[in-house]
N, C-alpha and C. Protein backbone atom coordinates (compact mmCIF):
# COMPACT_ATOMS: atom_id res chain seq x y z
N UNK A 1 5.66 24.39 -1.50
CA UNK A 1 5.63 22.19 -0.57
C UNK A 1 5.31 22.70 1.11
N UNK A 2 4.80 24.11 1.56
CA UNK A 2 3.68 24.20 2.48
C UNK A 2 2.76 23.60 2.35
N UNK A 3 1.65 24.49 0.80
CA UNK A 3 0.75 24.34 0.54
C UNK A 3 0.57 22.83 -0.02
N UNK A 4 1.29 22.39 -0.46
CA UNK A 4 0.93 20.75 -0.98
C UNK A 4 1.16 19.89 0.68
N UNK A 5 1.78 20.14 1.36
CA UNK A 5 1.85 18.99 2.49
C UNK A 5 -0.06 19.54 3.41
N UNK A 6 -0.54 20.75 3.25
CA UNK A 6 -1.19 21.35 3.72
C UNK A 6 -2.60 20.61 2.92
N UNK A 7 -2.59 20.23 2.01
CA UNK A 7 -3.25 19.75 0.64
C UNK A 7 -3.45 17.93 0.73
N UNK A 8 -2.03 17.56 1.04
CA UNK A 8 -2.82 16.17 1.43
C UNK A 8 -2.80 15.47 2.76
N UNK A 9 -2.54 16.72 3.64
CA UNK A 9 -2.69 16.38 4.92
C UNK A 9 -5.30 16.61 4.85
N UNK A 10 -5.61 17.47 3.75
CA UNK A 10 -6.85 18.13 3.62
C UNK A 10 -7.34 16.67 3.67
N UNK A 11 -6.91 16.18 2.11
CA UNK A 11 -6.97 14.54 1.20
C UNK A 11 -7.01 13.36 2.82
N UNK A 12 -5.86 13.48 3.38
CA UNK A 12 -6.26 12.38 4.04
C UNK A 12 -7.33 12.57 5.55
N UNK A 13 -7.38 13.13 5.78
CA UNK A 13 -9.09 13.96 6.81
C UNK A 13 -10.02 13.63 5.95
N UNK A 14 -10.35 13.63 5.18
CA UNK A 14 -11.67 13.30 3.99
C UNK A 14 -11.74 12.25 4.34
N UNK A 15 -10.52 12.04 3.48
CA UNK A 15 -11.64 10.25 2.97
C UNK A 15 -11.01 9.40 3.76
N UNK A 16 -10.44 9.62 4.82
CA UNK A 16 -10.40 8.97 6.56
C UNK A 16 -11.31 8.88 7.21
N UNK A 17 -12.44 10.47 7.09
CA UNK A 17 -13.21 10.69 7.41
C UNK A 17 -14.54 9.49 6.94
N UNK A 18 -14.52 9.52 5.66
CA UNK A 18 -15.28 9.13 4.81
C UNK A 18 -15.39 7.51 4.88
N UNK A 19 -14.28 6.57 4.62
CA UNK A 19 -13.74 5.54 4.61
C UNK A 19 -14.06 4.96 5.97
N UNK A 20 -13.47 6.09 7.00
CA UNK A 20 -13.25 4.94 8.68
C UNK A 20 -15.07 5.82 9.35
N UNK A 21 -16.20 6.11 7.89
CA UNK A 21 -17.03 6.22 8.91
C UNK A 21 -16.96 7.34 10.50
N UNK A 22 -15.97 8.36 9.90
CA UNK A 22 -16.42 9.14 11.11
C UNK A 22 -15.30 9.14 12.40
N UNK A 23 -15.42 7.66 12.76
CA UNK A 23 -14.29 7.52 13.90
C UNK A 23 -13.38 8.26 13.94
N UNK A 24 -12.92 8.88 14.89
CA UNK A 24 -12.15 9.92 15.51
C UNK A 24 -10.55 9.83 15.26
N UNK A 25 -9.82 8.61 15.86
CA UNK A 25 -8.94 8.04 15.77
C UNK A 25 -8.42 7.42 14.07
N UNK A 26 -9.23 7.67 13.29
CA UNK A 26 -9.63 6.97 11.44
C UNK A 26 -8.52 8.48 10.60
N UNK A 27 -9.57 9.49 11.13
CA UNK A 27 -9.51 11.14 10.85
C UNK A 27 -8.14 12.07 11.42
N UNK A 28 -7.98 11.75 12.64
CA UNK A 28 -6.10 11.59 13.45
C UNK A 28 -5.10 11.29 12.15
N UNK A 29 -5.14 10.29 11.74
CA UNK A 29 -3.98 9.29 11.56
C UNK A 29 -4.71 9.48 9.58
N UNK A 30 -5.35 9.97 9.62
CA UNK A 30 -5.79 10.38 7.91
C UNK A 30 -5.30 11.84 7.89
N UNK A 31 -4.77 12.14 8.56
CA UNK A 31 -4.04 13.86 8.39
C UNK A 31 -2.43 13.29 8.09
N UNK A 32 -2.30 12.31 9.30
CA UNK A 32 -1.24 11.68 8.65
C UNK A 32 -0.80 11.50 8.14
N UNK A 33 -1.85 9.99 7.70
CA UNK A 33 -1.00 9.36 5.92
C UNK A 33 -1.14 10.70 4.99
N UNK A 34 -2.05 11.24 4.92
CA UNK A 34 -1.93 11.78 3.72
C UNK A 34 -0.13 12.65 3.54
N UNK A 35 -0.29 13.56 5.18
CA UNK A 35 1.53 13.76 5.55
C UNK A 35 2.46 12.76 5.03
N UNK A 36 2.20 11.98 5.42
CA UNK A 36 3.71 10.73 5.11
C UNK A 36 3.82 10.58 3.32
N UNK A 37 2.71 10.57 3.48
CA UNK A 37 2.38 10.13 1.78
C UNK A 37 2.91 11.40 0.54
N UNK A 38 2.94 12.65 1.41
CA UNK A 38 2.91 12.99 0.04
C UNK A 38 4.16 13.89 0.36
N UNK A 39 4.84 13.45 1.47
CA UNK A 39 6.38 13.50 1.77
C UNK A 39 7.56 13.88 -0.14
N UNK A 40 7.47 12.13 -0.52
CA UNK A 40 8.58 12.64 -1.26
C UNK A 40 8.22 12.98 -2.34
N UNK A 41 7.23 13.91 -2.76
CA UNK A 41 6.78 14.91 -4.00
C UNK A 41 6.01 15.81 -3.56
N UNK A 42 6.85 16.41 -2.21
CA UNK A 42 5.81 17.56 -1.69
C UNK A 42 6.53 18.87 -2.42
N UNK A 43 7.94 18.78 -3.06
CA UNK A 43 8.17 19.46 -4.18
C UNK A 43 8.49 19.87 -5.67
N UNK A 44 7.36 18.22 -5.84
CA UNK A 44 7.16 18.37 -7.60
C UNK A 44 5.92 18.20 -7.51
N UNK A 45 5.04 17.81 -6.62
CA UNK A 45 3.33 17.70 -7.37
C UNK A 45 2.73 19.11 -7.50
N UNK A 46 1.90 19.21 -8.31
CA UNK A 46 0.71 20.58 -8.79
C UNK A 46 0.01 20.07 -7.13
N UNK A 47 -0.47 20.94 -6.37
CA UNK A 47 -1.54 20.68 -4.94
C UNK A 47 -2.65 20.04 -5.40
N UNK A 48 -3.17 19.91 -6.35
CA UNK A 48 -4.46 18.86 -6.57
C UNK A 48 -4.08 17.35 -6.43
N UNK A 49 -2.93 17.35 -7.25
CA UNK A 49 -1.70 15.31 -7.05
C UNK A 49 -1.70 15.82 -5.75
N UNK A 50 -1.37 17.15 -4.97
CA UNK A 50 -0.81 16.49 -3.42
C UNK A 50 -2.03 16.34 -2.43
N UNK A 51 -3.45 16.74 -3.10
CA UNK A 51 -4.38 17.06 -2.48
C UNK A 51 -5.09 14.99 -2.51
N UNK A 52 -4.64 14.77 -4.31
CA UNK A 52 -5.46 13.14 -4.36
C UNK A 52 -4.01 11.99 -3.89
N UNK A 53 -2.73 12.54 -3.43
CA UNK A 53 -1.76 11.88 -3.24
C UNK A 53 -2.36 11.76 -1.51
N UNK A 54 -3.21 12.48 -1.22
CA UNK A 54 -3.68 12.44 0.59
C UNK A 54 -4.87 11.25 1.49
N UNK A 55 -5.45 12.03 -0.07
CA UNK A 55 -6.86 11.11 0.30
C UNK A 55 -6.54 9.93 -0.61
N UNK A 56 -5.69 9.43 -1.09
CA UNK A 56 -5.62 8.25 -1.52
C UNK A 56 -4.59 7.15 -0.06
N UNK A 57 -3.80 7.88 0.45
CA UNK A 57 -3.22 7.17 1.39
C UNK A 57 -4.57 7.32 2.93
N UNK A 58 -5.25 8.79 2.87
CA UNK A 58 -5.99 7.97 4.10
C UNK A 58 -7.01 7.05 4.18
N UNK A 59 -7.60 6.54 2.83
CA UNK A 59 -8.56 6.04 2.46
C UNK A 59 -7.62 4.32 2.63
N UNK A 60 -6.37 4.69 2.84
CA UNK A 60 -5.21 3.34 2.55
C UNK A 60 -5.30 2.92 3.89
N UNK A 61 -5.03 3.75 4.14
CA UNK A 61 -4.73 3.85 6.06
C UNK A 61 -5.40 3.02 6.78
N UNK A 62 -7.12 3.70 6.35
CA UNK A 62 -8.31 2.80 6.93
C UNK A 62 -8.19 1.60 6.58
N UNK A 63 -8.53 1.11 5.28
CA UNK A 63 -8.50 -0.18 4.13
C UNK A 63 -7.39 -1.25 5.58
N UNK A 64 -5.90 -0.72 5.03
CA UNK A 64 -4.72 -1.81 5.48
C UNK A 64 -4.32 -2.32 7.46
N UNK A 65 -5.79 -1.09 8.05
CA UNK A 65 -5.54 -1.15 9.24
C UNK A 65 -6.25 -2.32 9.77
N UNK A 66 -7.55 -2.11 8.96
CA UNK A 66 -8.81 -2.76 9.47
C UNK A 66 -8.41 -4.26 9.29
N UNK A 67 -7.23 -4.67 7.63
CA UNK A 67 -7.39 -5.61 7.38
C UNK A 67 -6.50 -6.34 8.60
N UNK A 68 -4.92 -5.57 8.99
CA UNK A 68 -4.61 -5.80 9.86
C UNK A 68 -5.25 -6.27 11.24
N UNK A 69 -5.33 -5.76 11.74
CA UNK A 69 -6.14 -5.96 13.13
C UNK A 69 -7.42 -6.88 12.83
N UNK A 70 -7.95 -7.10 12.26
CA UNK A 70 -9.53 -7.87 11.41
C UNK A 70 -8.83 -9.52 11.12
N UNK A 71 -8.06 -9.29 10.10
CA UNK A 71 -8.30 -10.03 9.84
C UNK A 71 -6.43 -11.13 10.00
N UNK A 72 -5.72 -10.02 10.11
CA UNK A 72 -4.05 -10.87 9.79
C UNK A 72 -4.03 -10.92 11.44
N UNK A 73 -4.35 -10.61 12.63
CA UNK A 73 -4.55 -10.10 13.45
C UNK A 73 -2.93 -9.92 13.91
N UNK A 74 -2.98 -9.19 13.94
CA UNK A 74 -1.34 -7.88 14.45
C UNK A 74 -1.57 -7.08 14.86
N UNK A 75 -1.06 -7.48 16.03
CA UNK A 75 -1.59 -6.49 16.50
C UNK A 75 0.16 -5.04 16.80
N UNK A 76 -0.55 -4.15 16.35
CA UNK A 76 -0.74 -2.99 15.47
C UNK A 76 -1.06 -1.68 15.73
N UNK A 77 -1.36 -1.59 17.33
CA UNK A 77 -2.15 -0.96 17.71
C UNK A 77 -2.53 0.69 17.87
N UNK A 78 -0.80 1.22 17.16
CA UNK A 78 -0.50 2.83 16.44
C UNK A 78 -1.17 3.02 15.19
N UNK A 79 -1.09 1.72 14.04
CA UNK A 79 -1.28 1.47 12.28
C UNK A 79 0.01 2.03 12.77
N UNK A 80 1.41 1.63 13.00
CA UNK A 80 2.63 2.19 12.76
C UNK A 80 2.91 1.25 10.65
N UNK A 81 2.71 -0.13 10.72
CA UNK A 81 3.14 -0.45 9.21
C UNK A 81 1.94 -0.09 8.36
N UNK A 82 0.77 0.11 7.91
CA UNK A 82 -0.20 1.25 7.43
C UNK A 82 0.08 2.40 7.50
N UNK A 83 0.50 3.24 8.41
CA UNK A 83 0.56 4.20 8.45
C UNK A 83 1.40 4.81 7.44
N UNK A 84 2.86 4.01 8.25
CA UNK A 84 3.96 4.05 7.89
C UNK A 84 4.88 4.65 6.83
N UNK A 85 4.70 2.65 6.66
CA UNK A 85 5.29 1.67 5.46
C UNK A 85 4.31 1.64 3.97
N UNK A 86 2.98 1.24 4.46
CA UNK A 86 2.41 1.78 2.78
C UNK A 86 2.15 2.62 1.87
N UNK A 87 1.88 3.69 3.17
CA UNK A 87 1.41 5.54 2.96
C UNK A 87 2.73 5.34 2.43
N UNK A 88 3.54 5.90 2.91
CA UNK A 88 5.40 6.22 2.52
C UNK A 88 5.59 5.60 0.75
N UNK A 89 5.15 3.98 1.63
CA UNK A 89 5.35 3.64 -0.17
C UNK A 89 3.71 4.36 -1.42
N UNK A 90 3.27 4.28 -1.22
CA UNK A 90 2.32 4.35 -1.76
C UNK A 90 2.05 5.94 -2.60
N UNK A 91 3.30 7.45 -1.33
CA UNK A 91 3.60 8.50 -1.20
C UNK A 91 4.50 8.39 -3.18
N UNK A 92 5.60 7.78 -2.36
CA UNK A 92 6.72 7.23 -3.07
C UNK A 92 6.68 6.81 -4.45
N UNK A 93 5.28 6.26 -4.84
CA UNK A 93 5.12 5.56 -6.03
C UNK A 93 4.52 6.71 -7.13
N UNK A 94 3.26 7.61 -6.11
CA UNK A 94 3.08 8.38 -6.40
C UNK A 94 2.86 10.54 -6.57
N UNK A 95 4.47 10.30 -6.35
CA UNK A 95 5.63 11.34 -6.47
C UNK A 95 5.30 11.05 -8.20
N UNK A 96 5.91 10.17 -8.52
CA UNK A 96 6.58 9.89 -10.42
C UNK A 96 4.99 9.76 -11.21
N UNK A 97 3.84 10.27 -10.60
CA UNK A 97 2.18 10.11 -11.45
C UNK A 97 1.98 11.72 -11.25
N UNK A 98 1.76 12.50 -10.10
CA UNK A 98 2.00 13.90 -9.23
C UNK A 98 2.99 14.46 -9.98
N UNK A 99 3.75 14.59 -9.80
CA UNK A 99 4.92 15.10 -9.90
C UNK A 99 5.72 15.12 -11.83
N UNK A 100 4.66 14.22 -12.55
CA UNK A 100 4.46 14.84 -14.00
C UNK A 100 4.21 16.30 -14.20
N UNK A 101 4.90 16.75 -14.80
CA UNK A 101 3.99 17.71 -15.72
C UNK A 101 3.37 17.53 -16.67
N UNK A 102 2.62 16.95 -17.08
CA UNK A 102 2.08 16.46 -18.07
C UNK A 102 0.08 16.77 -16.87
N UNK A 103 0.30 16.99 -15.60
CA UNK A 103 -0.25 16.43 -14.13
C UNK A 103 -0.43 17.71 -13.13
N UNK A 104 0.29 18.79 -14.14
CA UNK A 104 0.66 19.99 -13.34
C UNK A 104 2.26 20.18 -12.71
N UNK A 105 2.33 18.96 -12.06
CA UNK A 105 3.87 19.24 -11.67
C UNK A 105 5.28 19.93 -12.21
N UNK A 106 5.85 19.77 -11.48
CA UNK A 106 7.42 20.38 -12.06
C UNK A 106 8.39 19.56 -12.97
N UNK A 107 7.93 18.79 -12.54
CA UNK A 107 8.58 17.00 -14.21
C UNK A 107 10.17 16.63 -12.92
N UNK A 108 10.69 16.07 -14.02
CA UNK A 108 11.89 15.65 -12.92
C UNK A 108 11.81 14.70 -12.33
N UNK A 109 10.64 13.76 -12.41
CA UNK A 109 10.70 12.55 -11.99
C UNK A 109 9.53 11.93 -12.92
N UNK A 110 9.94 10.43 -12.95
CA UNK A 110 9.40 9.44 -14.09
C UNK A 110 8.42 8.29 -13.20
N UNK A 111 7.60 7.90 -13.15
CA UNK A 111 6.97 6.88 -12.68
C UNK A 111 7.87 5.47 -12.09
N UNK A 112 8.75 4.82 -13.20
CA UNK A 112 9.17 3.85 -13.56
C UNK A 112 10.76 3.92 -12.80
N UNK A 113 10.92 5.39 -12.28
CA UNK A 113 12.87 5.85 -11.19
C UNK A 113 11.83 5.72 -9.74
N UNK A 114 10.36 5.88 -9.89
CA UNK A 114 9.88 6.17 -8.52
C UNK A 114 9.89 5.04 -8.65
N UNK A 115 9.18 4.10 -8.81
CA UNK A 115 8.73 2.20 -8.53
C UNK A 115 9.86 1.78 -8.03
N UNK A 116 10.81 2.11 -8.96
CA UNK A 116 11.96 1.72 -8.46
C UNK A 116 12.81 1.33 -7.38
N UNK A 117 12.86 3.16 -7.36
CA UNK A 117 13.31 3.71 -6.06
C UNK A 117 12.48 3.02 -4.62
N UNK A 118 11.64 3.39 -4.82
CA UNK A 118 10.51 2.98 -4.03
C UNK A 118 10.30 1.22 -3.50
N UNK A 119 10.59 0.55 -4.33
CA UNK A 119 10.72 -0.99 -4.27
C UNK A 119 12.65 -1.32 -3.83
N UNK A 120 13.13 -0.57 -3.85
CA UNK A 120 14.15 -0.61 -3.16
C UNK A 120 14.59 -0.98 -1.47
N UNK A 121 13.79 0.80 -1.67
CA UNK A 121 13.21 0.97 -0.55
C UNK A 121 13.30 -0.14 0.14
N UNK A 122 11.91 -0.34 0.24
CA UNK A 122 11.15 -1.35 1.31
C UNK A 122 12.18 -3.36 1.15
N UNK A 123 12.01 -3.38 0.10
CA UNK A 123 13.09 -4.57 0.34
C UNK A 123 14.12 -4.16 1.34
N UNK A 124 14.93 -3.14 0.99
CA UNK A 124 16.53 -2.58 2.57
C UNK A 124 16.08 -2.55 3.43
N UNK A 125 14.30 -2.40 3.34
CA UNK A 125 14.03 -1.67 5.04
C UNK A 125 13.39 -3.93 5.43
N UNK A 126 13.08 -3.89 4.98
CA UNK A 126 12.22 -5.38 5.02
C UNK A 126 13.93 -6.20 5.25
N UNK A 127 14.81 -6.47 4.65
CA UNK A 127 16.07 -7.30 5.30
C UNK A 127 16.49 -6.85 6.49
N UNK A 128 16.73 -5.59 6.68
CA UNK A 128 17.54 -4.95 7.62
C UNK A 128 16.09 -5.54 8.66
N UNK A 129 14.68 -4.99 8.61
CA UNK A 129 14.15 -5.90 9.83
C UNK A 129 14.74 -6.72 10.11
N UNK A 130 14.04 -7.86 9.05
CA UNK A 130 14.47 -9.27 9.10
C UNK A 130 15.58 -9.39 10.60
N UNK A 131 16.33 -8.78 10.07
CA UNK A 131 17.64 -9.95 10.62
C UNK A 131 18.12 -8.82 11.88
N UNK A 132 17.30 -7.62 11.92
CA UNK A 132 17.38 -7.02 13.62
C UNK A 132 16.90 -7.75 14.13
N UNK A 133 15.57 -7.66 13.56
CA UNK A 133 14.67 -8.78 14.62
C UNK A 133 15.56 -10.35 14.98
N UNK A 134 15.36 -10.83 13.64
CA UNK A 134 16.22 -12.19 14.31
C UNK A 134 16.99 -12.12 14.82
N UNK A 135 18.38 -11.30 15.23
CA UNK A 135 19.20 -11.01 16.14
C UNK A 135 18.79 -10.82 17.45
N UNK A 136 17.88 -10.01 17.74
CA UNK A 136 17.60 -9.96 19.05
C UNK A 136 16.43 -11.07 18.69
N UNK A 137 15.73 -11.57 18.69
CA UNK A 137 15.61 -13.29 18.78
C UNK A 137 16.55 -14.24 19.14
N UNK A 138 17.01 -13.83 19.14
CA UNK A 138 17.98 -15.10 19.32
C UNK A 138 18.61 -15.40 20.39
N UNK A 139 18.88 -13.61 20.36
CA UNK A 139 19.77 -13.32 21.78
C UNK A 139 18.86 -13.33 22.94
N UNK A 140 18.06 -12.04 23.38
CA UNK A 140 17.60 -11.59 24.01
C UNK A 140 16.37 -12.01 24.17
N UNK A 141 16.27 -12.22 23.32
CA UNK A 141 14.20 -12.61 23.09
C UNK A 141 13.36 -11.20 23.46
N UNK A 142 12.48 -11.34 22.21
CA UNK A 142 11.35 -10.41 21.84
C UNK A 142 10.19 -10.96 22.10
N UNK A 143 9.87 -11.87 23.11
CA UNK A 143 8.23 -12.05 23.55
C UNK A 143 8.43 -12.24 25.07
N UNK A 144 7.22 -11.29 25.47
CA UNK A 144 7.20 -11.78 27.07
C UNK A 144 6.79 -13.53 27.13
N UNK A 145 7.11 -13.89 28.99
CA UNK A 145 6.32 -15.42 28.31
C UNK A 145 4.55 -14.46 28.79
N UNK A 146 3.98 -16.28 28.61
CA UNK A 146 2.78 -15.74 28.87
C UNK A 146 1.44 -15.41 30.32
N UNK A 147 2.19 -15.15 30.96
CA UNK A 147 1.89 -14.36 31.85
C UNK A 147 1.83 -12.98 31.87
N UNK A 148 3.40 -12.99 31.82
CA UNK A 148 3.10 -11.13 31.36
C UNK A 148 2.45 -10.54 30.31
N UNK A 149 2.64 -11.78 29.10
CA UNK A 149 2.02 -11.29 27.72
C UNK A 149 0.45 -10.61 28.56
N UNK A 150 0.06 -11.90 28.87
CA UNK A 150 -1.64 -11.52 29.65
C UNK A 150 -2.22 -10.40 30.44
N UNK A 151 -0.94 -9.56 30.92
CA UNK A 151 -1.11 -8.74 32.13
C UNK A 151 -0.83 -8.05 31.23
N UNK A 152 0.55 -7.51 30.53
CA UNK A 152 0.13 -6.34 29.42
C UNK A 152 2.17 -6.01 30.08
N UNK A 153 2.07 -5.15 28.88
CA UNK A 153 4.10 -4.95 29.01
C UNK A 153 3.61 -3.30 30.17
N UNK A 154 3.22 -2.83 30.15
CA UNK A 154 3.07 -1.58 30.93
C UNK A 154 3.31 -1.74 32.60
N UNK A 155 2.70 -3.48 32.69
CA UNK A 155 2.49 -3.51 34.37
C UNK A 155 4.20 -4.67 34.55
N UNK A 156 3.57 -5.39 33.29
CA UNK A 156 5.64 -6.42 33.62
C UNK A 156 6.74 -6.15 33.77
N UNK A 157 6.12 -4.65 32.26
CA UNK A 157 8.20 -4.59 32.31
C UNK A 157 8.38 -3.34 33.16
N UNK A 158 6.74 -2.18 33.57
CA UNK A 158 7.13 -0.45 33.44
C UNK A 158 6.14 -0.48 34.97
N UNK A 159 6.29 -1.12 35.41
CA UNK A 159 5.49 -1.05 36.90
C UNK A 159 4.55 0.29 36.94
N UNK A 160 3.55 0.03 35.60
CA UNK A 160 2.77 1.27 35.48
C UNK A 160 1.21 0.22 34.56
N UNK A 161 0.24 1.10 35.22
CA UNK A 161 -0.88 0.67 34.55
C UNK A 161 -1.44 1.46 33.89
N UNK A 162 -3.30 0.89 32.98
CA UNK A 162 -4.06 2.09 32.36
C UNK A 162 -4.71 2.97 32.48
N UNK A 163 -4.95 2.19 34.45
CA UNK A 163 -5.58 3.51 34.58
C UNK A 163 -4.71 3.14 36.19
N UNK A 164 -5.35 4.89 37.09
CA UNK A 164 -4.51 5.75 37.70
C UNK A 164 -5.05 4.38 39.32
N UNK A 165 -6.33 4.18 39.08
CA UNK A 165 -6.74 3.08 40.36
C UNK A 165 -5.83 1.45 40.94
N UNK A 166 -5.78 1.28 39.42
CA UNK A 166 -5.05 0.21 39.47
C UNK A 166 -3.03 0.48 40.10
N UNK A 167 -2.78 1.05 40.34
CA UNK A 167 -1.42 2.62 40.67
C UNK A 167 -1.74 2.19 41.77
N UNK A 168 -2.56 2.40 42.46
CA UNK A 168 -2.32 2.83 43.57
C UNK A 168 -2.89 1.86 44.74
N UNK A 169 -3.17 0.58 43.78
CA UNK A 169 -3.29 -0.75 44.81
C UNK A 169 -2.26 -0.99 44.64
N UNK A 170 -1.18 -0.77 44.49
CA UNK A 170 0.35 -2.03 43.58
C UNK A 170 1.42 -0.54 44.72
């Protein structure tokens, strides 16, 4: 499991380095993408399968983070959804591929079982998320007013700034 975790991390770093065009943020998150993706199958994959899983996750993270920020205009600065949501989903499914004995894995998994289990987890998380955020939106609200949104949550809620100069003026 330790070797597979390292191999997936290396795969994520290398693919994020290549696809992300040497962006340090993508390189660091590529390592996390590989580690998140291999969690489902680190005990059943061959190390080469773990490397491939990490590489796929690193590339998926870069592509989907850019798509989310630039096309969908969703403000997810840390890339939580592409990193944990999509790379975790990808890893759950790829466990059913690279965990097969035919590809050097330990066996005991099937592609269809992994696909069904992963999609079930996605549906449960989506439903729970909509319920929780729906209740929060209806009761306490989940948005700042327009002025506070412009100033940013750090200043509006926490009374701290991103720069020490602004803290000295307050």
